[in-house]
Amino acid sequence: MRVRGLTSTGDWRFGKGKADYLRRSAAIRQNVVTRLKSFTNDWFADVTAGLPWFELLGNRDTEQRILRNVEQTVLRTEGVATIERLELVKITDRDATIEIDVTDIFGQPFSETVSVV
């Protein structure tokens, strides 16, 4: 697997040729984060991609639905083997922060804190 790397602000990296691409565990990690930050109906080519964040964050008592959606999205990400830990650390009407520990198909564990605003 190979994907174009992102800058700290979420833009594609350019200017260094093949060095701008991520491979193996780094690519899987970036794909997990990118998929979790994606909103349903946000991409014209696949309006079902992403999570229904507007619906989930706009309603009360959706913590379990959020965790289920996040779990399904991460496990369906190419290269993810298992989720070791998944925790919803913060949730308000408009944002959520998720902590997740994942092991990829290469046996590499990684931890991420993902904020959706």
N, C-alpha and C. Protein backbone atom coordinates (compact mmCIF):
# COMPACT_ATOMS: atom_id res chain seq x y z
N MET A 1 0.84 -1.17 0.00
CA MET A 1 0.00 0.00 0.00
C MET A 1 0.89 1.24 0.00
N ARG A 2 0.47 2.22 -0.77
CA ARG A 2 1.21 3.48 -0.84
C ARG A 2 0.20 4.61 -1.00
N VAL A 3 0.33 5.65 -0.18
CA VAL A 3 -0.55 6.82 -0.27
C VAL A 3 0.28 8.09 -0.18
N ARG A 4 -0.24 9.14 -0.77
CA ARG A 4 0.46 10.43 -0.67
C ARG A 4 0.37 10.93 0.76
N GLY A 5 1.48 11.38 1.29
CA GLY A 5 1.53 11.91 2.64
C GLY A 5 0.79 13.23 2.75
N LEU A 6 0.39 13.56 3.96
CA LEU A 6 -0.29 14.82 4.23
C LEU A 6 0.57 15.71 5.11
N THR A 7 0.38 17.00 4.94
CA THR A 7 1.06 17.96 5.81
C THR A 7 0.34 18.03 7.15
N SER A 8 0.87 18.79 8.07
CA SER A 8 0.24 18.93 9.39
C SER A 8 -1.13 19.62 9.30
N THR A 9 -1.38 20.33 8.20
CA THR A 9 -2.67 20.99 8.02
C THR A 9 -3.63 20.18 7.15
N GLY A 10 -3.21 18.96 6.75
CA GLY A 10 -4.09 18.07 6.00
C GLY A 10 -4.02 18.20 4.50
N ASP A 11 -3.09 18.98 3.97
CA ASP A 11 -2.91 19.09 2.52
C ASP A 11 -1.95 18.02 2.03
N TRP A 12 -2.04 17.69 0.74
CA TRP A 12 -1.11 16.74 0.16
C TRP A 12 0.30 17.32 0.17
N ARG A 13 1.28 16.47 0.38
CA ARG A 13 2.67 16.89 0.32
C ARG A 13 3.15 16.79 -1.12
N PHE A 14 3.88 17.80 -1.58
CA PHE A 14 4.43 17.84 -2.93
C PHE A 14 5.87 18.32 -2.88
N GLY A 15 6.60 18.03 -3.95
CA GLY A 15 7.92 18.62 -4.13
C GLY A 15 9.08 17.68 -3.89
N LYS A 16 8.84 16.50 -3.36
CA LYS A 16 9.95 15.58 -3.08
C LYS A 16 9.77 14.23 -3.76
N GLY A 17 8.97 14.20 -4.81
CA GLY A 17 8.79 12.97 -5.58
C GLY A 17 8.26 11.82 -4.75
N LYS A 18 8.93 10.67 -4.84
CA LYS A 18 8.49 9.47 -4.13
C LYS A 18 8.57 9.62 -2.61
N ALA A 19 9.39 10.54 -2.15
CA ALA A 19 9.51 10.77 -0.70
C ALA A 19 8.24 11.37 -0.10
N ASP A 20 7.35 11.88 -0.96
CA ASP A 20 6.08 12.44 -0.48
C ASP A 20 5.04 11.36 -0.22
N TYR A 21 5.37 10.11 -0.51
CA TYR A 21 4.42 9.01 -0.33
C TYR A 21 4.76 8.22 0.93
N LEU A 22 3.71 7.70 1.56
CA LEU A 22 3.86 6.85 2.74
C LEU A 22 3.61 5.41 2.32
N ARG A 23 4.29 4.49 2.99
CA ARG A 23 4.13 3.07 2.68
C ARG A 23 3.89 2.30 3.96
N ARG A 24 3.39 1.11 3.81
CA ARG A 24 3.21 0.14 4.88
C ARG A 24 2.48 0.72 6.09
N SER A 25 3.05 0.64 7.27
CA SER A 25 2.37 1.05 8.50
C SER A 25 2.02 2.54 8.52
N ALA A 26 2.91 3.37 7.99
CA ALA A 26 2.63 4.81 7.97
C ALA A 26 1.41 5.12 7.09
N ALA A 27 1.27 4.40 5.97
CA ALA A 27 0.12 4.59 5.08
C ALA A 27 -1.17 4.12 5.75
N ILE A 28 -1.10 3.00 6.45
CA ILE A 28 -2.28 2.49 7.15
C ILE A 28 -2.72 3.47 8.22
N ARG A 29 -1.78 3.97 8.98
CA ARG A 29 -2.08 4.94 10.04
C ARG A 29 -2.77 6.17 9.47
N GLN A 30 -2.22 6.71 8.40
CA GLN A 30 -2.83 7.90 7.79
C GLN A 30 -4.22 7.59 7.27
N ASN A 31 -4.42 6.42 6.67
CA ASN A 31 -5.75 6.06 6.17
C ASN A 31 -6.77 5.96 7.29
N VAL A 32 -6.38 5.41 8.43
CA VAL A 32 -7.29 5.32 9.57
C VAL A 32 -7.73 6.71 9.99
N VAL A 33 -6.78 7.61 10.18
CA VAL A 33 -7.11 8.98 10.61
C VAL A 33 -7.96 9.69 9.58
N THR A 34 -7.60 9.58 8.31
CA THR A 34 -8.35 10.24 7.24
C THR A 34 -9.79 9.74 7.18
N ARG A 35 -9.97 8.42 7.29
CA ARG A 35 -11.32 7.86 7.24
C ARG A 35 -12.16 8.31 8.43
N LEU A 36 -11.55 8.41 9.61
CA LEU A 36 -12.30 8.85 10.79
C LEU A 36 -12.70 10.32 10.70
N LYS A 37 -11.92 11.12 10.00
CA LYS A 37 -12.24 12.54 9.87
C LYS A 37 -13.17 12.84 8.69
N SER A 38 -13.50 11.81 7.92
CA SER A 38 -14.36 12.00 6.74
C SER A 38 -15.83 12.02 7.13
N PHE A 39 -16.58 12.90 6.49
CA PHE A 39 -18.01 13.05 6.73
C PHE A 39 -18.79 12.39 5.59
N THR A 40 -19.89 11.72 5.92
CA THR A 40 -20.78 11.16 4.91
C THR A 40 -21.28 12.30 4.01
N ASN A 41 -21.49 12.00 2.74
CA ASN A 41 -21.97 12.95 1.72
C ASN A 41 -20.96 14.04 1.39
N ASP A 42 -19.70 13.87 1.79
CA ASP A 42 -18.70 14.90 1.56
C ASP A 42 -17.92 14.69 0.26
N TRP A 43 -17.95 13.49 -0.28
CA TRP A 43 -17.19 13.19 -1.49
C TRP A 43 -18.16 12.77 -2.58
N PHE A 44 -18.19 13.53 -3.67
CA PHE A 44 -19.18 13.31 -4.73
C PHE A 44 -19.10 11.92 -5.36
N ALA A 45 -17.92 11.32 -5.39
CA ALA A 45 -17.77 10.02 -6.04
C ALA A 45 -18.31 8.87 -5.20
N ASP A 46 -18.44 9.09 -3.88
CA ASP A 46 -19.00 8.06 -3.00
C ASP A 46 -19.61 8.76 -1.79
N VAL A 47 -20.89 9.08 -1.90
CA VAL A 47 -21.55 9.83 -0.83
C VAL A 47 -21.77 8.99 0.43
N THR A 48 -21.54 7.68 0.35
CA THR A 48 -21.69 6.83 1.53
C THR A 48 -20.38 6.71 2.32
N ALA A 49 -19.28 7.19 1.75
CA ALA A 49 -17.99 7.12 2.45
C ALA A 49 -18.00 8.07 3.64
N GLY A 50 -17.26 7.72 4.65
CA GLY A 50 -17.16 8.57 5.84
C GLY A 50 -18.16 8.19 6.91
N LEU A 51 -18.19 8.96 7.97
CA LEU A 51 -19.09 8.72 9.09
C LEU A 51 -20.17 9.79 9.12
N PRO A 52 -21.36 9.46 9.61
CA PRO A 52 -22.44 10.45 9.67
C PRO A 52 -22.27 11.39 10.87
N TRP A 53 -21.17 12.13 10.88
CA TRP A 53 -20.82 12.97 12.04
C TRP A 53 -21.89 13.99 12.38
N PHE A 54 -22.51 14.62 11.37
CA PHE A 54 -23.53 15.63 11.66
C PHE A 54 -24.68 15.02 12.45
N GLU A 55 -25.09 13.84 12.06
CA GLU A 55 -26.18 13.13 12.75
C GLU A 55 -25.73 12.68 14.14
N LEU A 56 -24.54 12.13 14.23
CA LEU A 56 -24.07 11.59 15.50
C LEU A 56 -23.78 12.67 16.54
N LEU A 57 -23.19 13.77 16.10
CA LEU A 57 -22.83 14.82 17.06
C LEU A 57 -23.98 15.77 17.33
N GLY A 58 -25.00 15.73 16.51
CA GLY A 58 -26.12 16.64 16.69
C GLY A 58 -27.22 16.11 17.59
N ASN A 59 -27.07 14.88 18.07
CA ASN A 59 -28.11 14.26 18.89
C ASN A 59 -27.54 13.82 20.24
N ARG A 60 -28.44 13.61 21.19
CA ARG A 60 -28.03 13.17 22.52
C ARG A 60 -27.91 11.65 22.57
N ASP A 61 -27.13 11.18 23.54
CA ASP A 61 -26.98 9.75 23.83
C ASP A 61 -26.56 8.94 22.60
N THR A 62 -25.57 9.45 21.88
CA THR A 62 -25.09 8.74 20.69
C THR A 62 -23.71 8.13 20.90
N GLU A 63 -23.24 8.10 22.13
CA GLU A 63 -21.88 7.60 22.39
C GLU A 63 -21.67 6.19 21.86
N GLN A 64 -22.59 5.29 22.12
CA GLN A 64 -22.44 3.90 21.66
C GLN A 64 -22.50 3.81 20.14
N ARG A 65 -23.35 4.61 19.51
CA ARG A 65 -23.41 4.63 18.04
C ARG A 65 -22.10 5.15 17.46
N ILE A 66 -21.54 6.17 18.10
CA ILE A 66 -20.26 6.71 17.63
C ILE A 66 -19.19 5.63 17.72
N LEU A 67 -19.10 4.96 18.85
CA LEU A 67 -18.09 3.92 19.02
C LEU A 67 -18.27 2.78 18.02
N ARG A 68 -19.50 2.37 17.77
CA ARG A 68 -19.75 1.31 16.78
C ARG A 68 -19.34 1.76 15.38
N ASN A 69 -19.71 2.98 15.00
CA ASN A 69 -19.35 3.50 13.68
C ASN A 69 -17.84 3.62 13.52
N VAL A 70 -17.17 4.11 14.55
CA VAL A 70 -15.72 4.24 14.50
C VAL A 70 -15.08 2.86 14.38
N GLU A 71 -15.53 1.92 15.18
CA GLU A 71 -14.99 0.57 15.15
C GLU A 71 -15.15 -0.05 13.76
N GLN A 72 -16.33 0.04 13.18
CA GLN A 72 -16.57 -0.53 11.86
C GLN A 72 -15.69 0.13 10.80
N THR A 73 -15.57 1.45 10.87
CA THR A 73 -14.78 2.18 9.89
C THR A 73 -13.31 1.79 9.98
N VAL A 74 -12.78 1.70 11.19
CA VAL A 74 -11.37 1.35 11.36
C VAL A 74 -11.11 -0.08 10.92
N LEU A 75 -11.97 -1.01 11.31
CA LEU A 75 -11.75 -2.41 10.94
C LEU A 75 -11.90 -2.65 9.44
N ARG A 76 -12.63 -1.79 8.75
CA ARG A 76 -12.78 -1.91 7.30
C ARG A 76 -11.67 -1.18 6.54
N THR A 77 -10.77 -0.56 7.26
CA THR A 77 -9.65 0.13 6.62
C THR A 77 -8.61 -0.90 6.21
N GLU A 78 -8.21 -0.85 4.96
CA GLU A 78 -7.23 -1.82 4.46
C GLU A 78 -5.96 -1.77 5.30
N GLY A 79 -5.52 -2.94 5.75
CA GLY A 79 -4.28 -3.04 6.50
C GLY A 79 -4.44 -3.08 8.01
N VAL A 80 -5.64 -2.84 8.51
CA VAL A 80 -5.87 -2.90 9.95
C VAL A 80 -6.17 -4.34 10.35
N ALA A 81 -5.45 -4.82 11.37
CA ALA A 81 -5.67 -6.18 11.85
C ALA A 81 -6.62 -6.18 13.04
N THR A 82 -6.32 -5.39 14.07
CA THR A 82 -7.16 -5.37 15.27
C THR A 82 -7.19 -3.99 15.91
N ILE A 83 -8.24 -3.76 16.66
CA ILE A 83 -8.33 -2.58 17.52
C ILE A 83 -8.07 -3.07 18.94
N GLU A 84 -7.06 -2.51 19.57
CA GLU A 84 -6.71 -2.91 20.93
C GLU A 84 -7.50 -2.11 21.96
N ARG A 85 -7.74 -0.83 21.66
CA ARG A 85 -8.46 0.04 22.60
C ARG A 85 -9.16 1.12 21.78
N LEU A 86 -10.37 1.44 22.19
CA LEU A 86 -11.15 2.50 21.56
C LEU A 86 -11.90 3.24 22.66
N GLU A 87 -11.66 4.54 22.74
CA GLU A 87 -12.27 5.32 23.81
C GLU A 87 -12.74 6.67 23.27
N LEU A 88 -13.92 7.03 23.65
CA LEU A 88 -14.47 8.34 23.33
C LEU A 88 -14.16 9.24 24.51
N VAL A 89 -13.16 10.12 24.35
CA VAL A 89 -12.71 10.93 25.48
C VAL A 89 -13.49 12.22 25.66
N LYS A 90 -14.01 12.74 24.59
CA LYS A 90 -14.75 13.99 24.68
C LYS A 90 -15.84 14.00 23.62
N ILE A 91 -17.00 14.44 24.01
CA ILE A 91 -18.08 14.59 23.03
C ILE A 91 -18.91 15.80 23.44
N THR A 92 -19.17 16.66 22.48
CA THR A 92 -20.08 17.79 22.67
C THR A 92 -21.05 17.77 21.50
N ASP A 93 -21.87 18.80 21.39
CA ASP A 93 -22.81 18.87 20.28
C ASP A 93 -22.12 18.99 18.93
N ARG A 94 -20.90 19.51 18.93
CA ARG A 94 -20.26 19.80 17.65
C ARG A 94 -18.91 19.14 17.43
N ASP A 95 -18.36 18.47 18.42
CA ASP A 95 -17.08 17.83 18.20
C ASP A 95 -16.91 16.59 19.08
N ALA A 96 -15.95 15.78 18.69
CA ALA A 96 -15.64 14.56 19.43
C ALA A 96 -14.14 14.32 19.35
N THR A 97 -13.62 13.72 20.41
CA THR A 97 -12.22 13.30 20.43
C THR A 97 -12.18 11.82 20.77
N ILE A 98 -11.47 11.08 19.94
CA ILE A 98 -11.41 9.63 20.06
C ILE A 98 -9.95 9.22 20.23
N GLU A 99 -9.71 8.32 21.17
CA GLU A 99 -8.39 7.72 21.31
C GLU A 99 -8.50 6.27 20.87
N ILE A 100 -7.54 5.83 20.06
CA ILE A 100 -7.61 4.47 19.52
C ILE A 100 -6.21 3.87 19.44
N ASP A 101 -6.10 2.61 19.81
CA ASP A 101 -4.88 1.84 19.66
C ASP A 101 -5.17 0.72 18.66
N VAL A 102 -4.35 0.63 17.63
CA VAL A 102 -4.58 -0.30 16.53
C VAL A 102 -3.30 -1.09 16.27
N THR A 103 -3.47 -2.32 15.80
CA THR A 103 -2.35 -3.11 15.30
C THR A 103 -2.62 -3.39 13.83
N ASP A 104 -1.60 -3.13 13.00
CA ASP A 104 -1.79 -3.33 11.56
C ASP A 104 -1.37 -4.73 11.13
N ILE A 105 -1.52 -5.03 9.86
CA ILE A 105 -1.21 -6.36 9.35
C ILE A 105 0.28 -6.69 9.39
N PHE A 106 1.11 -5.69 9.63
CA PHE A 106 2.55 -5.91 9.75
C PHE A 106 2.95 -6.14 11.20
N GLY A 107 1.95 -6.17 12.09
CA GLY A 107 2.22 -6.39 13.50
C GLY A 107 2.66 -5.13 14.23
N GLN A 108 2.55 -3.98 13.57
CA GLN A 108 2.97 -2.72 14.18
C GLN A 108 1.82 -2.07 14.90
N PRO A 109 1.96 -1.81 16.21
CA PRO A 109 0.89 -1.11 16.93
C PRO A 109 1.08 0.40 16.76
N PHE A 110 -0.03 1.12 16.79
CA PHE A 110 0.04 2.58 16.83
C PHE A 110 -1.16 3.12 17.59
N SER A 111 -0.96 4.29 18.17
CA SER A 111 -2.01 4.99 18.91
C SER A 111 -2.28 6.31 18.25
N GLU A 112 -3.53 6.70 18.20
CA GLU A 112 -3.91 7.98 17.61
C GLU A 112 -4.99 8.63 18.45
N THR A 113 -4.93 9.93 18.51
CA THR A 113 -6.01 10.73 19.07
C THR A 113 -6.58 11.52 17.92
N VAL A 114 -7.85 11.31 17.61
CA VAL A 114 -8.47 11.95 16.46
C VAL A 114 -9.58 12.86 16.96
N SER A 115 -9.50 14.13 16.53
CA SER A 115 -10.54 15.09 16.88
C SER A 115 -11.35 15.40 15.63
N VAL A 116 -12.65 15.33 15.79
CA VAL A 116 -13.58 15.64 14.69
C VAL A 116 -14.31 16.90 15.10
N VAL A 117 -14.19 17.92 14.29
CA VAL A 117 -14.83 19.20 14.59
C VAL A 117 -15.73 19.60 13.46
